[in-house]
Amino acid sequence: MFHFTPEQGIGVDIHEWPYLVGSDQASLDVGMCFSNEPVICIPGEFGIRHEDHFYMTESGPEWFTEPSHTVDDPFKLESAS
C-alpha cells in the first residue's frame, strides 16, 4: 500500500513536521514553510503529483508562487494574448 501525506512542513530534510492533516494539532508560526502536493493515482496506470509551496505570515499563508488554476493553461498563456 502506498501512503503519502500531501501537505507537510519543508526545511533542510524537505519533508518535515508538522503535517497539515486533521489529526495534527501543531500551531503554525510565522516563517514556517509548507509543501502542498496533491496526487492523482490510477493504480497500475500512472500517477501525477503537483507541488506548490507556501509560508506563514502574520496575516496568514502566502504562496511562494501562485498555483495554476487550470491544467489546460497552467501558465495563463491563453489569457495573456
Protein backbone atom coordinates (compact mmCIF):
# COMPACT_ATOMS: atom_id res chain seq x y z
CA MET A 1 0.00 0.00 0.00
CA PHE A 2 1.26 3.46 -0.92
CA HIS A 3 0.94 6.12 1.79
CA PHE A 4 1.62 9.76 1.07
CA THR A 5 0.93 12.87 3.16
CA PRO A 6 0.22 15.64 0.65
CA GLU A 7 0.90 18.62 2.92
CA GLN A 8 3.93 18.83 5.16
CA GLY A 9 6.50 21.22 6.51
CA ILE A 10 9.59 21.81 4.40
CA GLY A 11 13.12 22.52 5.53
CA VAL A 12 16.60 21.01 5.41
CA ASP A 13 15.21 17.48 5.00
CA ILE A 14 12.39 18.75 2.69
CA HIS A 15 9.55 16.65 4.23
CA GLU A 16 9.36 17.68 7.86
CA TRP A 17 6.91 18.08 10.72
CA PRO A 18 4.26 19.42 11.02
CA TYR A 19 1.95 17.61 8.63
CA LEU A 20 -1.18 19.53 7.65
CA VAL A 21 -3.74 16.85 8.44
CA GLY A 22 -6.77 16.96 10.69
CA SER A 23 -5.14 14.94 13.47
CA ASP A 24 -2.06 17.24 13.77
CA GLN A 25 -2.65 19.83 16.50
CA ALA A 26 0.62 21.77 15.95
CA SER A 27 0.49 25.57 15.97
CA LEU A 28 1.51 27.24 12.72
CA ASP A 29 4.00 30.04 13.31
CA VAL A 30 5.18 32.95 11.18
CA GLY A 31 8.03 31.85 8.90
CA MET A 32 7.05 28.17 8.72
CA CYS A 33 7.14 26.79 5.16
CA PHE A 34 4.97 24.05 3.70
CA SER A 35 4.61 21.92 0.62
CA ASN A 36 1.16 21.21 -0.85
CA GLU A 37 1.38 18.11 -3.08
CA PRO A 38 -1.97 16.79 -4.28
CA VAL A 39 -1.70 13.43 -6.04
CA ILE A 40 -3.85 11.71 -8.65
CA CYS A 41 -3.09 7.98 -8.93
CA ILE A 42 -4.63 5.41 -11.25
CA PRO A 43 -3.26 2.13 -9.82
CA GLY A 44 -1.31 0.17 -12.41
CA GLU A 45 -1.54 3.06 -14.89
CA PHE A 46 0.11 6.32 -13.78
CA GLY A 47 0.32 8.98 -11.10
CA ILE A 48 0.69 12.74 -11.12
CA ARG A 49 1.88 14.90 -8.23
CA HIS A 50 1.69 18.69 -8.41
CA GLU A 51 3.76 20.66 -5.89
CA ASP A 52 3.10 24.18 -4.63
CA HIS A 53 4.86 25.77 -1.67
CA PHE A 54 3.67 28.39 0.80
CA TYR A 55 4.80 30.08 4.02
CA MET A 56 3.08 31.53 7.07
CA THR A 57 2.95 35.29 7.62
CA GLU A 58 1.39 37.31 10.44
CA SER A 59 -1.75 37.66 8.30
CA GLY A 60 -1.92 34.01 7.22
CA PRO A 61 -0.49 31.77 4.48
CA GLU A 62 1.14 33.21 1.32
CA TRP A 63 2.20 31.29 -1.80
CA PHE A 64 5.84 31.40 -2.87
CA THR A 65 4.43 31.18 -6.39
CA GLU A 66 0.76 31.41 -7.32
CA PRO A 67 -0.52 27.91 -8.15
CA SER A 68 -2.03 27.20 -11.52
CA HIS A 69 -5.82 27.27 -11.65
CA THR A 70 -6.20 25.05 -14.72
CA VAL A 71 -4.40 22.09 -16.25
CA ASP A 72 -5.37 23.36 -19.73
CA ASP A 73 -3.43 26.63 -19.38
CA PRO A 74 -1.12 26.32 -16.32
CA PHE A 75 0.95 29.40 -17.19
CA LYS A 76 -2.03 31.60 -18.21
CA LEU A 77 -0.68 31.97 -21.74
CA GLU A 78 -4.13 32.00 -23.34
CA SER A 79 -5.40 34.80 -21.09
CA ALA A 80 -2.28 36.92 -21.81
CA SER A 81 -2.99 37.19 -25.53
